[in-house]
Structures are given as C-alpha cells and as structure tokens.
PDB file of N, CA and C in Angstrom:
ATOM      1  N   MET A   1      -4.462 -29.226  20.095  1.00  0.00           N
ATOM      2  CA  MET A   1      -4.081 -27.914  19.639  1.00  0.00           C
ATOM      3  C   MET A   1      -2.713 -27.569  20.214  1.00  0.00           C
ATOM      4  N   THR A   2      -1.864 -27.039  19.394  1.00  0.00           N
ATOM      5  CA  THR A   2      -0.545 -26.630  19.874  1.00  0.00           C
ATOM      6  C   THR A   2      -0.664 -25.325  20.654  1.00  0.00           C
ATOM      7  N   PRO A   3       0.337 -25.017  21.471  1.00  0.00           N
ATOM      8  CA  PRO A   3       0.294 -23.744  22.204  1.00  0.00           C
ATOM      9  C   PRO A   3       0.169 -22.528  21.286  1.00  0.00           C
ATOM     10  N   LYS A   4       0.830 -22.576  20.142  1.00  0.00           N
ATOM     11  CA  LYS A   4       0.766 -21.454  19.199  1.00  0.00           C
ATOM     12  C   LYS A   4      -0.640 -21.319  18.614  1.00  0.00           C
ATOM     13  N   GLN A   5      -1.273 -22.455  18.311  1.00  0.00           N
ATOM     14  CA  GLN A   5      -2.645 -22.428  17.795  1.00  0.00           C
ATOM     15  C   GLN A   5      -3.599 -21.864  18.849  1.00  0.00           C
ATOM     16  N   LYS A   6      -3.390 -22.244  20.104  1.00  0.00           N
ATOM     17  CA  LYS A   6      -4.214 -21.719  21.189  1.00  0.00           C
ATOM     18  C   LYS A   6      -4.051 -20.204  21.289  1.00  0.00           C
ATOM     19  N   GLU A   7      -2.814 -19.742  21.232  1.00  0.00           N
ATOM     20  CA  GLU A   7      -2.556 -18.305  21.312  1.00  0.00           C
ATOM     21  C   GLU A   7      -3.266 -17.554  20.198  1.00  0.00           C
ATOM     22  N   ARG A   8      -3.167 -18.073  18.984  1.00  0.00           N
ATOM     23  CA  ARG A   8      -3.823 -17.423  17.843  1.00  0.00           C
ATOM     24  C   ARG A   8      -5.337 -17.426  18.008  1.00  0.00           C
ATOM     25  N   ALA A   9      -5.897 -18.542  18.452  1.00  0.00           N
ATOM     26  CA  ALA A   9      -7.351 -18.645  18.630  1.00  0.00           C
ATOM     27  C   ALA A   9      -7.846 -17.673  19.694  1.00  0.00           C
ATOM     28  N   VAL A  10      -7.140 -17.599  20.806  1.00  0.00           N
ATOM     29  CA  VAL A  10      -7.542 -16.683  21.878  1.00  0.00           C
ATOM     30  C   VAL A  10      -7.406 -15.236  21.408  1.00  0.00           C
ATOM     31  N   ALA A  11      -6.310 -14.900  20.765  1.00  0.00           N
ATOM     32  CA  ALA A  11      -6.109 -13.530  20.271  1.00  0.00           C
ATOM     33  C   ALA A  11      -7.193 -13.149  19.268  1.00  0.00           C
ATOM     34  N   LYS A  12      -7.531 -14.072  18.385  1.00  0.00           N
ATOM     35  CA  LYS A  12      -8.566 -13.833  17.381  1.00  0.00           C
ATOM     36  C   LYS A  12      -9.923 -13.620  18.053  1.00  0.00           C
ATOM     37  N   ALA A  13     -10.232 -14.448  19.031  1.00  0.00           N
ATOM     38  CA  ALA A  13     -11.508 -14.323  19.744  1.00  0.00           C
ATOM     39  C   ALA A  13     -11.592 -12.999  20.495  1.00  0.00           C
ATOM     40  N   ILE A  14     -10.502 -12.595  21.123  1.00  0.00           N
ATOM     41  CA  ILE A  14     -10.481 -11.332  21.856  1.00  0.00           C
ATOM     42  C   ILE A  14     -10.756 -10.172  20.903  1.00  0.00           C
ATOM     43  N   ARG A  15     -10.074 -10.167  19.768  1.00  0.00           N
ATOM     44  CA  ARG A  15     -10.276  -9.100  18.776  1.00  0.00           C
ATOM     45  C   ARG A  15     -11.727  -9.062  18.314  1.00  0.00           C
ATOM     46  N   ARG A  16     -12.282 -10.228  18.044  1.00  0.00           N
ATOM     47  CA  ARG A  16     -13.653 -10.277  17.540  1.00  0.00           C
ATOM     48  C   ARG A  16     -14.685  -9.884  18.594  1.00  0.00           C
ATOM     49  N   MET A  17     -14.466 -10.273  19.840  1.00  0.00           N
ATOM     50  CA  MET A  17     -15.390  -9.864  20.899  1.00  0.00           C
ATOM     51  C   MET A  17     -15.335  -8.351  21.094  1.00  0.00           C
ATOM     52  N   ASP A  18     -14.138  -7.778  21.075  1.00  0.00           N
ATOM     53  CA  ASP A  18     -14.003  -6.323  21.202  1.00  0.00           C
ATOM     54  C   ASP A  18     -14.672  -5.604  20.034  1.00  0.00           C
ATOM     55  N   GLU A  19     -14.480  -6.123  18.837  1.00  0.00           N
ATOM     56  CA  GLU A  19     -15.094  -5.520  17.652  1.00  0.00           C
ATOM     57  C   GLU A  19     -16.621  -5.631  17.710  1.00  0.00           C
ATOM     58  N   ALA A  20     -17.136  -6.775  18.131  1.00  0.00           N
ATOM     59  CA  ALA A  20     -18.583  -6.949  18.249  1.00  0.00           C
ATOM     60  C   ALA A  20     -19.158  -5.982  19.283  1.00  0.00           C
ATOM     61  N   ALA A  21     -18.482  -5.815  20.401  1.00  0.00           N
ATOM     62  CA  ALA A  21     -18.940  -4.875  21.429  1.00  0.00           C
ATOM     63  C   ALA A  21     -18.950  -3.451  20.876  1.00  0.00           C
ATOM     64  N   LYS A  22     -17.925  -3.106  20.125  1.00  0.00           N
ATOM     65  CA  LYS A  22     -17.850  -1.773  19.528  1.00  0.00           C
ATOM     66  C   LYS A  22     -19.013  -1.566  18.556  1.00  0.00           C
ATOM     67  N   CYS A  23     -19.304  -2.549  17.740  1.00  0.00           N
ATOM     68  CA  CYS A  23     -20.408  -2.452  16.779  1.00  0.00           C
ATOM     69  C   CYS A  23     -21.749  -2.310  17.491  1.00  0.00           C
ATOM     70  N   LEU A  24     -21.954  -3.067  18.554  1.00  0.00           N
ATOM     71  CA  LEU A  24     -23.194  -2.954  19.315  1.00  0.00           C
ATOM     72  C   LEU A  24     -23.346  -1.569  19.929  1.00  0.00           C
ATOM     73  N   ARG A  25     -22.263  -1.002  20.391  1.00  0.00           N
ATOM     74  CA  ARG A  25     -22.334   0.342  20.972  1.00  0.00           C
ATOM     75  C   ARG A  25     -22.656   1.380  19.902  1.00  0.00           C
ATOM     76  N   GLU A  26     -22.147   1.184  18.699  1.00  0.00           N
ATOM     77  CA  GLU A  26     -22.480   2.089  17.598  1.00  0.00           C
ATOM     78  C   GLU A  26     -23.963   1.976  17.243  1.00  0.00           C
ATOM     79  N   LEU A  27     -24.483   0.753  17.206  1.00  0.00           N
ATOM     80  CA  LEU A  27     -25.912   0.565  16.949  1.00  0.00           C
ATOM     81  C   LEU A  27     -26.749   1.179  18.056  1.00  0.00           C
ATOM     82  N   GLN A  28     -26.278   1.058  19.276  1.00  0.00           N
ATOM     83  CA  GLN A  28     -26.993   1.633  20.407  1.00  0.00           C
ATOM     84  C   GLN A  28     -27.097   3.149  20.251  1.00  0.00           C
ATOM     85  N   GLN A  29     -26.026   3.790  19.802  1.00  0.00           N
ATOM     86  CA  GLN A  29     -26.049   5.237  19.604  1.00  0.00           C
ATOM     87  C   GLN A  29     -27.107   5.626  18.562  1.00  0.00           C
ATOM     88  N   ILE A  30     -27.199   4.847  17.503  1.00  0.00           N
ATOM     89  CA  ILE A  30     -28.195   5.111  16.466  1.00  0.00           C
ATOM     90  C   ILE A  30     -29.602   4.997  17.051  1.00  0.00           C
ATOM     91  N   CYS A  31     -29.824   3.953  17.828  1.00  0.00           N
ATOM     92  CA  CYS A  31     -31.148   3.739  18.425  1.00  0.00           C
ATOM     93  C   CYS A  31     -31.508   4.845  19.402  1.00  0.00           C
ATOM     94  N   VAL A  32     -30.542   5.287  20.188  1.00  0.00           N
ATOM     95  CA  VAL A  32     -30.793   6.360  21.150  1.00  0.00           C
ATOM     96  C   VAL A  32     -31.196   7.633  20.409  1.00  0.00           C
ATOM     97  N   GLU A  33     -30.539   7.905  19.287  1.00  0.00           N
ATOM     98  CA  GLU A  33     -30.886   9.078  18.481  1.00  0.00           C
ATOM     99  C   GLU A  33     -32.332   9.028  18.009  1.00  0.00           C
ATOM    100  N   HIS A  34     -32.866   7.832  17.859  1.00  0.00           N
ATOM    101  CA  HIS A  34     -34.233   7.664  17.370  1.00  0.00           C
ATOM    102  C   HIS A  34     -35.211   7.328  18.487  1.00  0.00           C
ATOM    103  N   GLY A  35     -34.770   7.428  19.725  1.00  0.00           N
ATOM    104  CA  GLY A  35     -35.649   7.236  20.858  1.00  0.00           C
ATOM    105  C   GLY A  35     -35.993   5.796  21.189  1.00  0.00           C
ATOM    106  N   VAL A  36     -35.175   4.870  20.743  1.00  0.00           N
ATOM    107  CA  VAL A  36     -35.419   3.460  21.016  1.00  0.00           C
ATOM    108  C   VAL A  36     -34.531   3.013  22.178  1.00  0.00           C
ATOM    109  N   ASP A  37     -35.131   2.314  23.142  1.00  0.00           N
ATOM    110  CA  ASP A  37     -34.367   1.829  24.296  1.00  0.00           C
ATOM    111  C   ASP A  37     -33.545   0.618  23.878  1.00  0.00           C
ATOM    112  N   MET A  38     -32.271   0.726  24.032  1.00  0.00           N
ATOM    113  CA  MET A  38     -31.373  -0.362  23.631  1.00  0.00           C
ATOM    114  C   MET A  38     -30.528  -0.825  24.815  1.00  0.00           C
ATOM    115  N   SER A  39     -31.101  -0.809  25.993  1.00  0.00           N
ATOM    116  CA  SER A  39     -30.338  -1.185  27.180  1.00  0.00           C
ATOM    117  C   SER A  39     -29.867  -2.632  27.119  1.00  0.00           C
ATOM    118  N   ILE A  40     -30.611  -3.503  26.452  1.00  0.00           N
ATOM    119  CA  ILE A  40     -30.186  -4.905  26.343  1.00  0.00           C
ATOM    120  C   ILE A  40     -28.899  -5.014  25.522  1.00  0.00           C
ATOM    121  N   GLU A  41     -28.772  -4.183  24.480  1.00  0.00           N
ATOM    122  CA  GLU A  41     -27.539  -4.182  23.693  1.00  0.00           C
ATOM    123  C   GLU A  41     -26.366  -3.676  24.521  1.00  0.00           C
ATOM    124  N   GLU A  42     -26.644  -2.711  25.385  1.00  0.00           N
ATOM    125  CA  GLU A  42     -25.583  -2.204  26.255  1.00  0.00           C
ATOM    126  C   GLU A  42     -25.083  -3.312  27.183  1.00  0.00           C
ATOM    127  N   LYS A  43     -26.006  -4.065  27.755  1.00  0.00           N
ATOM    128  CA  LYS A  43     -25.620  -5.171  28.631  1.00  0.00           C
ATOM    129  C   LYS A  43     -24.842  -6.231  27.849  1.00  0.00           C
ATOM    130  N   PHE A  44     -25.285  -6.532  26.649  1.00  0.00           N
ATOM    131  CA  PHE A  44     -24.613  -7.529  25.829  1.00  0.00           C
ATOM    132  C   PHE A  44     -23.212  -7.058  25.449  1.00  0.00           C
ATOM    133  N   ALA A  45     -23.095  -5.786  25.058  1.00  0.00           N
ATOM    134  CA  ALA A  45     -21.780  -5.226  24.705  1.00  0.00           C
ATOM    135  C   ALA A  45     -20.848  -5.242  25.903  1.00  0.00           C
ATOM    136  N   ASP A  46     -21.390  -4.875  27.077  1.00  0.00           N
ATOM    137  CA  ASP A  46     -20.575  -4.905  28.292  1.00  0.00           C
ATOM    138  C   ASP A  46     -20.115  -6.335  28.597  1.00  0.00           C
ATOM    139  N   GLY A  47     -21.015  -7.297  28.395  1.00  0.00           N
ATOM    140  CA  GLY A  47     -20.666  -8.701  28.616  1.00  0.00           C
ATOM    141  C   GLY A  47     -19.563  -9.168  27.685  1.00  0.00           C
ATOM    142  N   LEU A  48     -19.660  -8.765  26.418  1.00  0.00           N
ATOM    143  CA  LEU A  48     -18.609  -9.128  25.460  1.00  0.00           C
ATOM    144  C   LEU A  48     -17.271  -8.514  25.850  1.00  0.00           C
ATOM    145  N   SER A  49     -17.301  -7.268  26.253  1.00  0.00           N
ATOM    146  CA  SER A  49     -16.058  -6.610  26.678  1.00  0.00           C
ATOM    147  C   SER A  49     -15.475  -7.297  27.905  1.00  0.00           C
ATOM    148  N   GLU A  50     -16.352  -7.682  28.816  1.00  0.00           N
ATOM    149  CA  GLU A  50     -15.900  -8.368  30.029  1.00  0.00           C
ATOM    150  C   GLU A  50     -15.266  -9.715  29.693  1.00  0.00           C
ATOM    151  N   ARG A  51     -15.879 -10.467  28.784  1.00  0.00           N
ATOM    152  CA  ARG A  51     -15.335 -11.770  28.386  1.00  0.00           C
ATOM    153  C   ARG A  51     -14.001 -11.591  27.655  1.00  0.00           C
ATOM    154  N   ALA A  52     -13.907 -10.592  26.804  1.00  0.00           N
ATOM    155  CA  ALA A  52     -12.648 -10.337  26.099  1.00  0.00           C
ATOM    156  C   ALA A  52     -11.545 -10.020  27.099  1.00  0.00           C
ATOM    157  N   SER A  53     -11.868  -9.204  28.089  1.00  0.00           N
ATOM    158  CA  SER A  53     -10.893  -8.855  29.122  1.00  0.00           C
ATOM    159  C   SER A  53     -10.492 -10.093  29.921  1.00  0.00           C
ATOM    160  N   TYR A  54     -11.473 -10.930  30.247  1.00  0.00           N
ATOM    161  CA  TYR A  54     -11.176 -12.164  30.979  1.00  0.00           C
ATOM    162  C   TYR A  54     -10.161 -12.999  30.201  1.00  0.00           C
ATOM    163  N   TRP A  55     -10.419 -13.238  28.922  1.00  0.00           N
ATOM    164  CA  TRP A  55      -9.528 -14.080  28.126  1.00  0.00           C
ATOM    165  C   TRP A  55      -8.170 -13.432  27.903  1.00  0.00           C
ATOM    166  N   GLU A  56      -8.163 -12.119  27.843  1.00  0.00           N
ATOM    167  CA  GLU A  56      -6.889 -11.412  27.675  1.00  0.00           C
ATOM    168  C   GLU A  56      -6.008 -11.568  28.906  1.00  0.00           C
ATOM    169  N   ASN A  57      -6.626 -11.668  30.073  1.00  0.00           N
ATOM    170  CA  ASN A  57      -5.869 -11.714  31.328  1.00  0.00           C
ATOM    171  C   ASN A  57      -5.683 -13.105  31.922  1.00  0.00           C
ATOM    172  N   CYS A  58      -6.454 -14.073  31.496  1.00  0.00           N
ATOM    173  CA  CYS A  58      -6.327 -15.405  32.098  1.00  0.00           C
ATOM    174  C   CYS A  58      -5.143 -16.167  31.499  1.00  0.00           C
ATOM    175  N   THR A  59      -4.619 -17.076  32.265  1.00  0.00           N
ATOM    176  CA  THR A  59      -3.459 -17.843  31.793  1.00  0.00           C
ATOM    177  C   THR A  59      -3.652 -19.349  31.947  1.00  0.00           C
ATOM    178  N   TRP A  60      -4.772 -19.788  32.501  1.00  0.00           N
ATOM    179  CA  TRP A  60      -4.958 -21.215  32.747  1.00  0.00           C
ATOM    180  C   TRP A  60      -4.852 -22.040  31.472  1.00  0.00           C
ATOM    181  N   TRP A  61      -5.254 -21.492  30.333  1.00  0.00           N
ATOM    182  CA  TRP A  61      -5.226 -22.235  29.085  1.00  0.00           C
ATOM    183  C   TRP A  61      -3.791 -22.398  28.535  1.00  0.00           C
ATOM    184  N   LYS A  62      -2.853 -21.638  29.062  1.00  0.00           N
ATOM    185  CA  LYS A  62      -1.466 -21.711  28.599  1.00  0.00           C
ATOM    186  C   LYS A  62      -0.677 -22.819  29.292  1.00  0.00           C
ATOM    187  N   ARG A  63      -1.227 -23.429  30.319  1.00  0.00           N
ATOM    188  CA  ARG A  63      -0.477 -24.366  31.143  1.00  0.00           C
ATOM    189  C   ARG A  63      -0.194 -25.707  30.496  1.00  0.00           C
ATOM    190  N   LYS A  64      -0.989 -26.133  29.552  1.00  0.00           N
ATOM    191  CA  LYS A  64      -0.781 -27.462  28.975  1.00  0.00           C
ATOM    192  C   LYS A  64      -0.214 -27.392  27.585  1.00  0.00           C
TER     193      LYS A  64
END
C-alpha cells in the first residue's frame, strides 16, 4: 500500500467509526425513551470513539 492509500484508508476508517458511534448513541436514546437498558451499546460506542481517536492520533503507520 502506498502512503497515500494508507492515509485514505485510515481517514475513511476514522470517519466510519465516528459515524457508527454516533448512530449507536442515537439508537441508545431511542431505547432509553422506551425504558430499555442499552448500556452495552454505550460501551461499544465509547470503544468505537476511542479507537477512532487512537487512529487519528497515532503515527506509527506513517513510518514506512
């Protein structure tokens, strides 16, 4: 993979992880309105946000 391809792949993954986390949080709000415990979705959304942040800030993949 070229450096440019890596950059595009990482940027795309970051966007998608952030979007997935946002969607899970929206679903969680719906469930809370209906009295359903969705704490597992909250943990999953937080995990996705954390991974997106990790990839946004890491640079080890840019070295080669």
